[in-house]
Each structure stands twice: as C-alpha cells, then as structure tokens.
Amino acid sequence: MNKTVGLILILVGIAMLVWTGFSYTKKEKIVDAGPIQISADREKSVNWPPYVGGIILVAGVFVFVASKRK
C-alpha cells in the first residue's frame, strides 16, 4: 500500500514540476433581468510554485524507499 502511495506522490510531484498550473473557462452571468440573460466566458487560472512539486516528489521518494525496507 505504501509503495503505491509513494509512486503516486512521485508521479504527481513530477507533473507539478513540469506543469506549474492550468487554466479553465467559466461561464458567468452578468445580467439576469427576467427573460434577458447575458453571460460571459471568464478565463480562470490555477498556479502553484515549482517548489511544491519538488516537496511532493521528495516525500514520494521517502515513502517509496521506507516501504521497501520493511
């Protein structure tokens, strides 16, 4: 079980180092006056610092190595 968690953390850490964020489009209502509705697409972004991916990668390696020693 711990070996699987370690591998997942390693893969997530590598992915977070390669991709430092992502963006998505969200539809928001601007005017909602009875039968008249106006909406607009807003682009949102989610970013994280690269060191977070490094920390997760190191934690994954630690969990993976610790599970092999048992």
N, C-alpha and C. Protein backbone atom coordinates (compact mmCIF):
# COMPACT_ATOMS: atom_id res chain seq x y z
N MET A 1 0.82 -1.20 0.00
CA MET A 1 0.00 0.00 0.00
C MET A 1 0.86 1.26 0.00
N ASN A 2 1.88 1.30 0.88
CA ASN A 2 2.73 2.47 0.94
C ASN A 2 3.55 2.65 -0.34
N LYS A 3 3.88 1.53 -1.00
CA LYS A 3 4.63 1.62 -2.25
C LYS A 3 3.79 2.31 -3.32
N THR A 4 2.50 2.00 -3.35
CA THR A 4 1.60 2.62 -4.32
C THR A 4 1.44 4.11 -4.03
N VAL A 5 1.29 4.47 -2.77
CA VAL A 5 1.18 5.88 -2.40
C VAL A 5 2.45 6.63 -2.77
N GLY A 6 3.60 6.01 -2.54
CA GLY A 6 4.87 6.62 -2.91
C GLY A 6 4.99 6.86 -4.40
N LEU A 7 4.57 5.88 -5.19
CA LEU A 7 4.62 6.05 -6.65
C LEU A 7 3.67 7.15 -7.12
N ILE A 8 2.49 7.21 -6.53
CA ILE A 8 1.54 8.26 -6.91
C ILE A 8 2.09 9.64 -6.56
N LEU A 9 2.69 9.77 -5.37
CA LEU A 9 3.30 11.05 -4.99
C LEU A 9 4.45 11.43 -5.92
N ILE A 10 5.24 10.46 -6.32
CA ILE A 10 6.34 10.73 -7.24
C ILE A 10 5.81 11.24 -8.58
N LEU A 11 4.78 10.57 -9.11
CA LEU A 11 4.21 10.99 -10.40
C LEU A 11 3.56 12.37 -10.31
N VAL A 12 2.86 12.63 -9.21
CA VAL A 12 2.23 13.95 -9.04
C VAL A 12 3.30 15.03 -8.90
N GLY A 13 4.35 14.74 -8.16
CA GLY A 13 5.45 15.70 -8.00
C GLY A 13 6.12 16.04 -9.31
N ILE A 14 6.37 15.03 -10.14
CA ILE A 14 6.98 15.27 -11.45
C ILE A 14 6.04 16.10 -12.32
N ALA A 15 4.76 15.76 -12.30
CA ALA A 15 3.79 16.51 -13.11
C ALA A 15 3.71 17.97 -12.65
N MET A 16 3.76 18.20 -11.34
CA MET A 16 3.69 19.57 -10.85
C MET A 16 4.96 20.36 -11.16
N LEU A 17 6.09 19.68 -11.30
CA LEU A 17 7.31 20.36 -11.72
C LEU A 17 7.27 20.73 -13.19
N VAL A 18 6.67 19.86 -14.00
CA VAL A 18 6.61 20.12 -15.44
C VAL A 18 5.54 21.17 -15.75
N TRP A 19 4.34 20.99 -15.21
CA TRP A 19 3.26 21.94 -15.44
C TRP A 19 3.03 22.73 -14.16
N THR A 20 3.30 24.02 -14.20
CA THR A 20 3.19 24.84 -13.00
C THR A 20 1.81 25.46 -12.82
N GLY A 21 0.84 24.96 -13.55
CA GLY A 21 -0.52 25.47 -13.39
C GLY A 21 -1.37 25.09 -14.59
N PHE A 22 -2.64 25.48 -14.52
CA PHE A 22 -3.55 25.24 -15.63
C PHE A 22 -4.61 26.33 -15.62
N SER A 23 -5.31 26.47 -16.74
CA SER A 23 -6.38 27.45 -16.82
C SER A 23 -7.65 26.78 -17.34
N TYR A 24 -8.77 27.37 -16.99
CA TYR A 24 -10.05 26.85 -17.43
C TYR A 24 -11.00 28.02 -17.68
N THR A 25 -12.07 27.75 -18.42
CA THR A 25 -13.04 28.77 -18.76
C THR A 25 -14.32 28.53 -17.97
N LYS A 26 -14.84 29.59 -17.39
CA LYS A 26 -16.05 29.51 -16.59
C LYS A 26 -17.06 30.51 -17.14
N LYS A 27 -18.29 30.07 -17.29
CA LYS A 27 -19.34 30.94 -17.78
C LYS A 27 -20.00 31.64 -16.59
N GLU A 28 -20.03 32.98 -16.62
CA GLU A 28 -20.61 33.76 -15.53
C GLU A 28 -21.76 34.62 -16.05
N LYS A 29 -22.82 34.70 -15.26
CA LYS A 29 -23.94 35.58 -15.62
C LYS A 29 -23.57 37.01 -15.26
N ILE A 30 -23.78 37.91 -16.23
CA ILE A 30 -23.51 39.32 -15.99
C ILE A 30 -24.82 40.05 -15.71
N VAL A 31 -25.83 39.79 -16.53
CA VAL A 31 -27.14 40.41 -16.35
C VAL A 31 -28.19 39.31 -16.32
N ASP A 32 -29.06 39.35 -15.31
CA ASP A 32 -30.16 38.40 -15.20
C ASP A 32 -31.42 39.19 -14.85
N ALA A 33 -32.03 39.77 -15.88
CA ALA A 33 -33.21 40.61 -15.69
C ALA A 33 -34.41 39.95 -16.36
N GLY A 34 -35.06 39.06 -15.64
CA GLY A 34 -36.24 38.39 -16.19
C GLY A 34 -35.86 37.48 -17.34
N PRO A 35 -36.48 37.71 -18.51
CA PRO A 35 -36.18 36.85 -19.66
C PRO A 35 -34.84 37.16 -20.33
N ILE A 36 -34.23 38.28 -19.97
CA ILE A 36 -32.96 38.68 -20.58
C ILE A 36 -31.82 38.21 -19.69
N GLN A 37 -30.96 37.40 -20.28
CA GLN A 37 -29.79 36.92 -19.56
C GLN A 37 -28.56 37.13 -20.43
N ILE A 38 -27.56 37.75 -19.86
CA ILE A 38 -26.30 37.97 -20.57
C ILE A 38 -25.21 37.29 -19.76
N SER A 39 -24.43 36.48 -20.43
CA SER A 39 -23.33 35.79 -19.75
C SER A 39 -22.04 35.99 -20.55
N ALA A 40 -20.94 35.80 -19.86
CA ALA A 40 -19.62 35.96 -20.48
C ALA A 40 -18.72 34.82 -20.03
N ASP A 41 -17.80 34.45 -20.89
CA ASP A 41 -16.81 33.44 -20.55
C ASP A 41 -15.62 34.12 -19.89
N ARG A 42 -15.28 33.68 -18.71
CA ARG A 42 -14.13 34.21 -17.98
C ARG A 42 -13.08 33.11 -17.87
N GLU A 43 -11.86 33.48 -18.17
CA GLU A 43 -10.77 32.51 -18.06
C GLU A 43 -10.15 32.62 -16.67
N LYS A 44 -10.12 31.52 -15.97
CA LYS A 44 -9.53 31.44 -14.63
C LYS A 44 -8.25 30.62 -14.72
N SER A 45 -7.32 30.89 -13.84
CA SER A 45 -6.08 30.11 -13.84
C SER A 45 -5.73 29.68 -12.42
N VAL A 46 -5.14 28.50 -12.33
CA VAL A 46 -4.67 27.95 -11.06
C VAL A 46 -3.16 27.73 -11.22
N ASN A 47 -2.38 28.37 -10.37
CA ASN A 47 -0.92 28.26 -10.45
C ASN A 47 -0.38 27.87 -9.08
N TRP A 48 0.72 27.14 -9.10
CA TRP A 48 1.41 26.78 -7.86
C TRP A 48 2.90 26.94 -8.09
N PRO A 49 3.65 27.25 -7.03
CA PRO A 49 5.10 27.41 -7.19
C PRO A 49 5.76 26.06 -7.45
N PRO A 50 6.85 26.06 -8.22
CA PRO A 50 7.51 24.79 -8.56
C PRO A 50 8.06 24.03 -7.35
N TYR A 51 8.40 24.73 -6.27
CA TYR A 51 8.97 24.01 -5.12
C TYR A 51 7.94 23.09 -4.46
N VAL A 52 6.66 23.34 -4.66
CA VAL A 52 5.64 22.43 -4.11
C VAL A 52 5.75 21.06 -4.79
N GLY A 53 5.96 21.05 -6.10
CA GLY A 53 6.17 19.79 -6.81
C GLY A 53 7.42 19.07 -6.33
N GLY A 54 8.48 19.83 -6.04
CA GLY A 54 9.70 19.22 -5.52
C GLY A 54 9.50 18.60 -4.15
N ILE A 55 8.74 19.28 -3.30
CA ILE A 55 8.46 18.74 -1.96
C ILE A 55 7.65 17.45 -2.06
N ILE A 56 6.65 17.44 -2.94
CA ILE A 56 5.83 16.24 -3.10
C ILE A 56 6.66 15.10 -3.69
N LEU A 57 7.56 15.42 -4.61
CA LEU A 57 8.44 14.41 -5.20
C LEU A 57 9.35 13.80 -4.15
N VAL A 58 9.96 14.62 -3.32
CA VAL A 58 10.85 14.12 -2.27
C VAL A 58 10.07 13.28 -1.26
N ALA A 59 8.86 13.72 -0.91
CA ALA A 59 8.03 12.95 0.01
C ALA A 59 7.67 11.59 -0.59
N GLY A 60 7.38 11.56 -1.89
CA GLY A 60 7.07 10.30 -2.55
C GLY A 60 8.24 9.35 -2.55
N VAL A 61 9.43 9.88 -2.81
CA VAL A 61 10.64 9.04 -2.78
C VAL A 61 10.86 8.50 -1.37
N PHE A 62 10.67 9.35 -0.37
CA PHE A 62 10.85 8.91 1.02
C PHE A 62 9.87 7.79 1.38
N VAL A 63 8.59 7.95 1.01
CA VAL A 63 7.58 6.93 1.31
C VAL A 63 7.90 5.64 0.56
N PHE A 64 8.31 5.76 -0.70
CA PHE A 64 8.62 4.58 -1.51
C PHE A 64 9.80 3.80 -0.94
N VAL A 65 10.87 4.52 -0.56
CA VAL A 65 12.07 3.87 -0.01
C VAL A 65 11.75 3.26 1.36
N ALA A 66 10.98 3.97 2.18
CA ALA A 66 10.64 3.45 3.51
C ALA A 66 9.78 2.21 3.41
N SER A 67 8.95 2.09 2.39
CA SER A 67 8.10 0.91 2.26
C SER A 67 8.90 -0.32 1.80
N LYS A 68 10.02 -0.10 1.11
CA LYS A 68 10.84 -1.23 0.66
C LYS A 68 11.65 -1.83 1.81
N ARG A 69 11.94 -1.04 2.82
CA ARG A 69 12.78 -1.51 3.93
C ARG A 69 12.06 -2.45 4.87
N LYS A 70 10.76 -2.50 4.82
CA LYS A 70 10.01 -3.37 5.74
C LYS A 70 10.07 -4.81 5.35
